[in-house]
PDB file of N, CA and C in Angstrom:
ATOM      1  N   MET A   1     -23.366  -3.978  -7.077  1.00  0.00           N
ATOM      2  CA  MET A   1     -24.411  -4.294  -6.129  1.00  0.00           C
ATOM      3  C   MET A   1     -24.039  -3.843  -4.719  1.00  0.00           C
ATOM      4  N   PHE A   2     -22.756  -3.765  -4.424  1.00  0.00           N
ATOM      5  CA  PHE A   2     -22.315  -3.423  -3.075  1.00  0.00           C
ATOM      6  C   PHE A   2     -21.285  -2.297  -3.145  1.00  0.00           C
ATOM      7  N   PRO A   3     -21.744  -1.082  -3.380  1.00  0.00           N
ATOM      8  CA  PRO A   3     -20.786   0.024  -3.475  1.00  0.00           C
ATOM      9  C   PRO A   3     -19.999   0.174  -2.176  1.00  0.00           C
ATOM     10  N   GLY A   4     -18.717   0.434  -2.311  1.00  0.00           N
ATOM     11  CA  GLY A   4     -17.862   0.615  -1.157  1.00  0.00           C
ATOM     12  C   GLY A   4     -17.323  -0.679  -0.569  1.00  0.00           C
ATOM     13  N   LEU A   5     -17.683  -1.821  -1.150  1.00  0.00           N
ATOM     14  CA  LEU A   5     -17.226  -3.105  -0.614  1.00  0.00           C
ATOM     15  C   LEU A   5     -15.701  -3.217  -0.674  1.00  0.00           C
ATOM     16  N   GLN A   6     -15.111  -2.739  -1.728  1.00  0.00           N
ATOM     17  CA  GLN A   6     -13.649  -2.786  -1.833  1.00  0.00           C
ATOM     18  C   GLN A   6     -13.022  -2.002  -0.687  1.00  0.00           C
ATOM     19  N   ASN A   7     -13.579  -0.851  -0.352  1.00  0.00           N
ATOM     20  CA  ASN A   7     -13.049  -0.059   0.760  1.00  0.00           C
ATOM     21  C   ASN A   7     -13.191  -0.811   2.081  1.00  0.00           C
ATOM     22  N   GLU A   8     -14.291  -1.528   2.269  1.00  0.00           N
ATOM     23  CA  GLU A   8     -14.482  -2.318   3.483  1.00  0.00           C
ATOM     24  C   GLU A   8     -13.459  -3.446   3.569  1.00  0.00           C
ATOM     25  N   LEU A   9     -13.184  -4.085   2.431  1.00  0.00           N
ATOM     26  CA  LEU A   9     -12.178  -5.148   2.414  1.00  0.00           C
ATOM     27  C   LEU A   9     -10.811  -4.600   2.797  1.00  0.00           C
ATOM     28  N   VAL A  10     -10.456  -3.447   2.237  1.00  0.00           N
ATOM     29  CA  VAL A  10      -9.167  -2.831   2.547  1.00  0.00           C
ATOM     30  C   VAL A  10      -9.117  -2.424   4.021  1.00  0.00           C
ATOM     31  N   ALA A  11     -10.226  -1.877   4.540  1.00  0.00           N
ATOM     32  CA  ALA A  11     -10.279  -1.492   5.952  1.00  0.00           C
ATOM     33  C   ALA A  11     -10.141  -2.709   6.864  1.00  0.00           C
ATOM     34  N   ALA A  12     -10.571  -3.877   6.374  1.00  0.00           N
ATOM     35  CA  ALA A  12     -10.446  -5.116   7.152  1.00  0.00           C
ATOM     36  C   ALA A  12      -9.019  -5.663   7.116  1.00  0.00           C
ATOM     37  N   GLY A  13      -8.153  -5.021   6.315  1.00  0.00           N
ATOM     38  CA  GLY A  13      -6.746  -5.398   6.313  1.00  0.00           C
ATOM     39  C   GLY A  13      -6.309  -6.320   5.195  1.00  0.00           C
ATOM     40  N   VAL A  14      -7.141  -6.496   4.160  1.00  0.00           N
ATOM     41  CA  VAL A  14      -6.719  -7.389   3.075  1.00  0.00           C
ATOM     42  C   VAL A  14      -5.579  -6.750   2.280  1.00  0.00           C
ATOM     43  N   PRO A  15      -4.653  -7.553   1.800  1.00  0.00           N
ATOM     44  CA  PRO A  15      -3.548  -6.995   1.028  1.00  0.00           C
ATOM     45  C   PRO A  15      -3.966  -6.676  -0.405  1.00  0.00           C
ATOM     46  N   ILE A  16      -3.403  -5.606  -0.926  1.00  0.00           N
ATOM     47  CA  ILE A  16      -3.583  -5.224  -2.332  1.00  0.00           C
ATOM     48  C   ILE A  16      -2.245  -5.454  -3.015  1.00  0.00           C
ATOM     49  N   LEU A  17      -2.274  -6.227  -4.089  1.00  0.00           N
ATOM     50  CA  LEU A  17      -1.034  -6.609  -4.758  1.00  0.00           C
ATOM     51  C   LEU A  17      -1.014  -6.132  -6.202  1.00  0.00           C
ATOM     52  N   ASP A  18       0.157  -5.811  -6.671  1.00  0.00           N
ATOM     53  CA  ASP A  18       0.379  -5.514  -8.078  1.00  0.00           C
ATOM     54  C   ASP A  18       0.579  -6.849  -8.778  1.00  0.00           C
ATOM     55  N   PRO A  19      -0.313  -7.215  -9.709  1.00  0.00           N
ATOM     56  CA  PRO A  19      -0.176  -8.526 -10.355  1.00  0.00           C
ATOM     57  C   PRO A  19       1.151  -8.706 -11.093  1.00  0.00           C
ATOM     58  N   ASN A  20       1.776  -7.609 -11.480  1.00  0.00           N
ATOM     59  CA  ASN A  20       3.063  -7.719 -12.178  1.00  0.00           C
ATOM     60  C   ASN A  20       4.199  -8.065 -11.231  1.00  0.00           C
ATOM     61  N   SER A  21       3.930  -8.053  -9.927  1.00  0.00           N
ATOM     62  CA  SER A  21       4.971  -8.412  -8.965  1.00  0.00           C
ATOM     63  C   SER A  21       4.863  -9.876  -8.548  1.00  0.00           C
ATOM     64  N   LEU A  22       3.920 -10.603  -9.136  1.00  0.00           N
ATOM     65  CA  LEU A  22       3.694 -11.998  -8.772  1.00  0.00           C
ATOM     66  C   LEU A  22       4.188 -12.936  -9.860  1.00  0.00           C
ATOM     67  N   ALA A  23       4.617 -14.104  -9.452  1.00  0.00           N
ATOM     68  CA  ALA A  23       4.983 -15.150 -10.401  1.00  0.00           C
ATOM     69  C   ALA A  23       3.882 -16.209 -10.366  1.00  0.00           C
ATOM     70  N   TRP A  24       3.371 -16.570 -11.519  1.00  0.00           N
ATOM     71  CA  TRP A  24       2.285 -17.548 -11.625  1.00  0.00           C
ATOM     72  C   TRP A  24       2.815 -18.822 -12.250  1.00  0.00           C
ATOM     73  N   PHE A  25       2.596 -19.928 -11.590  1.00  0.00           N
ATOM     74  CA  PHE A  25       3.013 -21.214 -12.136  1.00  0.00           C
ATOM     75  C   PHE A  25       1.768 -22.052 -12.379  1.00  0.00           C
ATOM     76  N   SER A  26       1.653 -22.582 -13.583  1.00  0.00           N
ATOM     77  CA  SER A  26       0.508 -23.409 -13.956  1.00  0.00           C
ATOM     78  C   SER A  26       1.016 -24.732 -14.516  1.00  0.00           C
ATOM     79  N   PRO A  27       0.113 -25.648 -14.832  1.00  0.00           N
ATOM     80  CA  PRO A  27       0.559 -26.904 -15.449  1.00  0.00           C
ATOM     81  C   PRO A  27       1.363 -26.687 -16.743  1.00  0.00           C
ATOM     82  N   ALA A  28       1.147 -25.532 -17.382  1.00  0.00           N
ATOM     83  CA  ALA A  28       1.872 -25.236 -18.616  1.00  0.00           C
ATOM     84  C   ALA A  28       3.210 -24.550 -18.346  1.00  0.00           C
ATOM     85  N   GLY A  29       3.527 -24.284 -17.084  1.00  0.00           N
ATOM     86  CA  GLY A  29       4.777 -23.618 -16.738  1.00  0.00           C
ATOM     87  C   GLY A  29       4.524 -22.223 -16.201  1.00  0.00           C
ATOM     88  N   TRP A  30       5.592 -21.428 -16.146  1.00  0.00           N
ATOM     89  CA  TRP A  30       5.483 -20.066 -15.624  1.00  0.00           C
ATOM     90  C   TRP A  30       4.720 -19.186 -16.599  1.00  0.00           C
ATOM     91  N   ALA A  31       3.752 -18.459 -16.082  1.00  0.00           N
ATOM     92  CA  ALA A  31       2.936 -17.577 -16.915  1.00  0.00           C
ATOM     93  C   ALA A  31       3.631 -16.233 -17.079  1.00  0.00           C
ATOM     94  N   PRO A  32       3.370 -15.573 -18.203  1.00  0.00           N
ATOM     95  CA  PRO A  32       3.968 -14.237 -18.391  1.00  0.00           C
ATOM     96  C   PRO A  32       3.354 -13.247 -17.397  1.00  0.00           C
ATOM     97  N   GLN A  33       4.141 -12.276 -16.991  1.00  0.00           N
ATOM     98  CA  GLN A  33       3.651 -11.246 -16.078  1.00  0.00           C
ATOM     99  C   GLN A  33       3.194 -10.044 -16.889  1.00  0.00           C
ATOM    100  N   PHE A  34       1.915  -9.776 -16.821  1.00  0.00           N
ATOM    101  CA  PHE A  34       1.375  -8.594 -17.494  1.00  0.00           C
ATOM    102  C   PHE A  34      -0.009  -8.302 -16.930  1.00  0.00           C
ATOM    103  N   THR A  35      -0.396  -7.060 -17.000  1.00  0.00           N
ATOM    104  CA  THR A  35      -1.734  -6.647 -16.597  1.00  0.00           C
ATOM    105  C   THR A  35      -2.282  -5.756 -17.704  1.00  0.00           C
ATOM    106  N   PRO A  36      -3.255  -6.255 -18.449  1.00  0.00           N
ATOM    107  CA  PRO A  36      -3.752  -5.459 -19.559  1.00  0.00           C
ATOM    108  C   PRO A  36      -4.438  -4.159 -19.131  1.00  0.00           C
ATOM    109  N   ASP A  37      -5.025  -4.105 -17.938  1.00  0.00           N
ATOM    110  CA  ASP A  37      -5.752  -2.894 -17.550  1.00  0.00           C
ATOM    111  C   ASP A  37      -5.194  -2.232 -16.286  1.00  0.00           C
ATOM    112  N   ASP A  38      -4.010  -2.606 -15.880  1.00  0.00           N
ATOM    113  CA  ASP A  38      -3.350  -2.024 -14.705  1.00  0.00           C
ATOM    114  C   ASP A  38      -4.169  -2.154 -13.423  1.00  0.00           C
ATOM    115  N   SER A  39      -4.971  -3.190 -13.314  1.00  0.00           N
ATOM    116  CA  SER A  39      -5.755  -3.419 -12.103  1.00  0.00           C
ATOM    117  C   SER A  39      -4.903  -4.080 -11.034  1.00  0.00           C
ATOM    118  N   ASP A  40      -5.191  -3.719  -9.793  1.00  0.00           N
ATOM    119  CA  ASP A  40      -4.545  -4.386  -8.666  1.00  0.00           C
ATOM    120  C   ASP A  40      -5.359  -5.604  -8.274  1.00  0.00           C
ATOM    121  N   LEU A  41      -4.736  -6.525  -7.561  1.00  0.00           N
ATOM    122  CA  LEU A  41      -5.419  -7.694  -7.024  1.00  0.00           C
ATOM    123  C   LEU A  41      -5.706  -7.452  -5.551  1.00  0.00           C
ATOM    124  N   ILE A  42      -6.915  -7.748  -5.145  1.00  0.00           N
ATOM    125  CA  ILE A  42      -7.287  -7.660  -3.743  1.00  0.00           C
ATOM    126  C   ILE A  42      -7.433  -9.088  -3.254  1.00  0.00           C
ATOM    127  N   MET A  43      -6.624  -9.473  -2.286  1.00  0.00           N
ATOM    128  CA  MET A  43      -6.574 -10.856  -1.825  1.00  0.00           C
ATOM    129  C   MET A  43      -7.370 -10.992  -0.530  1.00  0.00           C
ATOM    130  N   PHE A  44      -8.459 -11.778  -0.570  1.00  0.00           N
ATOM    131  CA  PHE A  44      -9.286 -11.960   0.620  1.00  0.00           C
ATOM    132  C   PHE A  44      -9.864 -13.362   0.628  1.00  0.00           C
ATOM    133  N   SER A  45     -10.322 -13.770   1.794  1.00  0.00           N
ATOM    134  CA  SER A  45     -10.906 -15.104   1.923  1.00  0.00           C
ATOM    135  C   SER A  45     -12.396 -15.055   1.596  1.00  0.00           C
ATOM    136  N   ARG A  46     -12.935 -16.193   1.226  1.00  0.00           N
ATOM    137  CA  ARG A  46     -14.369 -16.300   0.972  1.00  0.00           C
ATOM    138  C   ARG A  46     -15.155 -16.015   2.251  1.00  0.00           C
ATOM    139  N   ASP A  47     -14.626 -16.455   3.397  1.00  0.00           N
ATOM    140  CA  ASP A  47     -15.307 -16.205   4.667  1.00  0.00           C
ATOM    141  C   ASP A  47     -15.452 -14.707   4.943  1.00  0.00           C
ATOM    142  N   LEU A  48     -14.399 -13.939   4.689  1.00  0.00           N
ATOM    143  CA  LEU A  48     -14.473 -12.498   4.907  1.00  0.00           C
ATOM    144  C   LEU A  48     -15.485 -11.858   3.970  1.00  0.00           C
ATOM    145  N   LEU A  49     -15.455 -12.230   2.703  1.00  0.00           N
ATOM    146  CA  LEU A  49     -16.405 -11.686   1.737  1.00  0.00           C
ATOM    147  C   LEU A  49     -17.840 -12.020   2.149  1.00  0.00           C
ATOM    148  N   ASP A  50     -18.093 -13.277   2.498  1.00  0.00           N
ATOM    149  CA  ASP A  50     -19.436 -13.680   2.934  1.00  0.00           C
ATOM    150  C   ASP A  50     -19.883 -12.882   4.151  1.00  0.00           C
ATOM    151  N   TRP A  51     -18.979 -12.676   5.116  1.00  0.00           N
ATOM    152  CA  TRP A  51     -19.327 -11.962   6.344  1.00  0.00           C
ATOM    153  C   TRP A  51     -19.683 -10.506   6.047  1.00  0.00           C
ATOM    154  N   LEU A  52     -18.882  -9.837   5.203  1.00  0.00           N
ATOM    155  CA  LEU A  52     -19.160  -8.436   4.889  1.00  0.00           C
ATOM    156  C   LEU A  52     -20.477  -8.285   4.134  1.00  0.00           C
ATOM    157  N   ILE A  53     -20.740  -9.177   3.186  1.00  0.00           N
ATOM    158  CA  ILE A  53     -21.993  -9.094   2.431  1.00  0.00           C
ATOM    159  C   ILE A  53     -23.179  -9.424   3.323  1.00  0.00           C
ATOM    160  N   ARG A  54     -23.058 -10.433   4.152  1.00  0.00           N
ATOM    161  CA  ARG A  54     -24.158 -10.788   5.058  1.00  0.00           C
ATOM    162  C   ARG A  54     -24.454  -9.638   6.022  1.00  0.00           C
ATOM    163  N   ARG A  55     -23.404  -8.987   6.525  1.00  0.00           N
ATOM    164  CA  ARG A  55     -23.590  -7.845   7.426  1.00  0.00           C
ATOM    165  C   ARG A  55     -24.354  -6.727   6.730  1.00  0.00           C
ATOM    166  N   ARG A  56     -24.017  -6.469   5.476  1.00  0.00           N
ATOM    167  CA  ARG A  56     -24.732  -5.429   4.715  1.00  0.00           C
ATOM    168  C   ARG A  56     -26.189  -5.819   4.488  1.00  0.00           C
ATOM    169  N   LEU A  57     -26.412  -7.068   4.104  1.00  0.00           N
ATOM    170  CA  LEU A  57     -27.782  -7.520   3.854  1.00  0.00           C
ATOM    171  C   LEU A  57     -28.625  -7.487   5.121  1.00  0.00           C
ATOM    172  N   ALA A  58     -28.015  -7.766   6.267  1.00  0.00           N
ATOM    173  CA  ALA A  58     -28.743  -7.770   7.532  1.00  0.00           C
ATOM    174  C   ALA A  58     -29.247  -6.371   7.893  1.00  0.00           C
ATOM    175  N   GLU A  59     -28.622  -5.338   7.364  1.00  0.00           N
ATOM    176  CA  GLU A  59     -29.056  -3.966   7.608  1.00  0.00           C
ATOM    177  C   GLU A  59     -30.317  -3.622   6.820  1.00  0.00           C
ATOM    178  N   ASN A  60     -30.661  -4.429   5.832  1.00  0.00           N
ATOM    179  CA  ASN A  60     -31.825  -4.196   4.982  1.00  0.00           C
ATOM    180  C   ASN A  60     -33.041  -4.886   5.605  1.00  0.00           C
ATOM    181  N   THR A  61     -34.075  -4.117   5.922  1.00  0.00           N
ATOM    182  CA  THR A  61     -35.259  -4.695   6.571  1.00  0.00           C
ATOM    183  C   THR A  61     -36.058  -5.600   5.639  1.00  0.00           C
ATOM    184  N   ASN A  62     -35.790  -5.556   4.345  1.00  0.00           N
ATOM    185  CA  ASN A  62     -36.502  -6.413   3.389  1.00  0.00           C
ATOM    186  C   ASN A  62     -35.852  -7.787   3.230  1.00  0.00           C
ATOM    187  N   VAL A  63     -34.720  -8.000   3.886  1.00  0.00           N
ATOM    188  CA  VAL A  63     -33.997  -9.265   3.753  1.00  0.00           C
ATOM    189  C   VAL A  63     -34.136 -10.046   5.057  1.00  0.00           C
ATOM    190  N   HIS A  64     -34.495 -11.323   4.937  1.00  0.00           N
ATOM    191  CA  HIS A  64     -34.612 -12.207   6.095  1.00  0.00           C
ATOM    192  C   HIS A  64     -33.788 -13.456   5.825  1.00  0.00           C
ATOM    193  N   PHE A  65     -33.083 -13.923   6.826  1.00  0.00           N
ATOM    194  CA  PHE A  65     -32.227 -15.094   6.676  1.00  0.00           C
ATOM    195  C   PHE A  65     -32.963 -16.323   7.198  1.00  0.00           C
ATOM    196  N   GLN A  66     -32.896 -17.393   6.443  1.00  0.00           N
ATOM    197  CA  GLN A  66     -33.472 -18.682   6.838  1.00  0.00           C
ATOM    198  C   GLN A  66     -32.342 -19.519   7.415  1.00  0.00           C
ATOM    199  N   GLU A  67     -32.405 -19.794   8.694  1.00  0.00           N
ATOM    200  CA  GLU A  67     -31.353 -20.559   9.376  1.00  0.00           C
ATOM    201  C   GLU A  67     -31.793 -22.017   9.527  1.00  0.00           C
ATOM    202  N   GLY A  68     -30.843 -22.928   9.459  1.00  0.00           N
ATOM    203  CA  GLY A  68     -31.099 -24.321   9.749  1.00  0.00           C
ATOM    204  C   GLY A  68     -31.913 -25.072   8.704  1.00  0.00           C
ATOM    205  N   GLY A  69     -31.997 -24.550   7.494  1.00  0.00           N
ATOM    206  CA  GLY A  69     -32.732 -25.231   6.442  1.00  0.00           C
ATOM    207  C   GLY A  69     -31.892 -26.319   5.783  1.00  0.00           C
ATOM    208  N   THR A  70     -32.557 -27.159   5.022  1.00  0.00           N
ATOM    209  CA  THR A  70     -31.892 -28.226   4.286  1.00  0.00           C
ATOM    210  C   THR A  70     -32.251 -28.104   2.816  1.00  0.00           C
ATOM    211  N   VAL A  71     -31.262 -28.138   1.952  1.00  0.00           N
ATOM    212  CA  VAL A  71     -31.507 -28.111   0.514  1.00  0.00           C
ATOM    213  C   VAL A  71     -31.856 -29.521   0.084  1.00  0.00           C
ATOM    214  N   THR A  72     -33.020 -29.686  -0.555  1.00  0.00           N
ATOM    215  CA  THR A  72     -33.442 -31.013  -0.987  1.00  0.00           C
ATOM    216  C   THR A  72     -33.440 -31.162  -2.504  1.00  0.00           C
ATOM    217  N   ASP A  73     -33.346 -30.046  -3.231  1.00  0.00           N
ATOM    218  CA  ASP A  73     -33.356 -30.102  -4.691  1.00  0.00           C
ATOM    219  C   ASP A  73     -32.708 -28.841  -5.210  1.00  0.00           C
ATOM    220  N   CYS A  74     -32.202 -28.933  -6.378  1.00  0.00           N
ATOM    221  CA  CYS A  74     -31.558 -27.776  -6.979  1.00  0.00           C
ATOM    222  C   CYS A  74     -31.942 -27.668  -8.446  1.00  0.00           C
ATOM    223  N   CYS A  75     -32.197 -26.507  -8.854  1.00  0.00           N
ATOM    224  CA  CYS A  75     -32.404 -26.121 -10.252  1.00  0.00           C
ATOM    225  C   CYS A  75     -33.563 -26.841 -10.847  1.00  0.00           C
TER     226      CYS A  75
END
């Protein structure tokens, strides 16, 4: 949905990590280190992701943001 978003995240300075260089500890103990598809991990905050997506959406004239609303019901 957002082509080039990964490049924007990297340009914003987010670290890219090799998952095989990390140690994972869970309630079951240390997890094995492996990457089935050799993918890297891109580490970023939710705030940064929200900001980049909102900035892209704001460039679209068909998108309008509703500010100051209150959610009264869901689903």
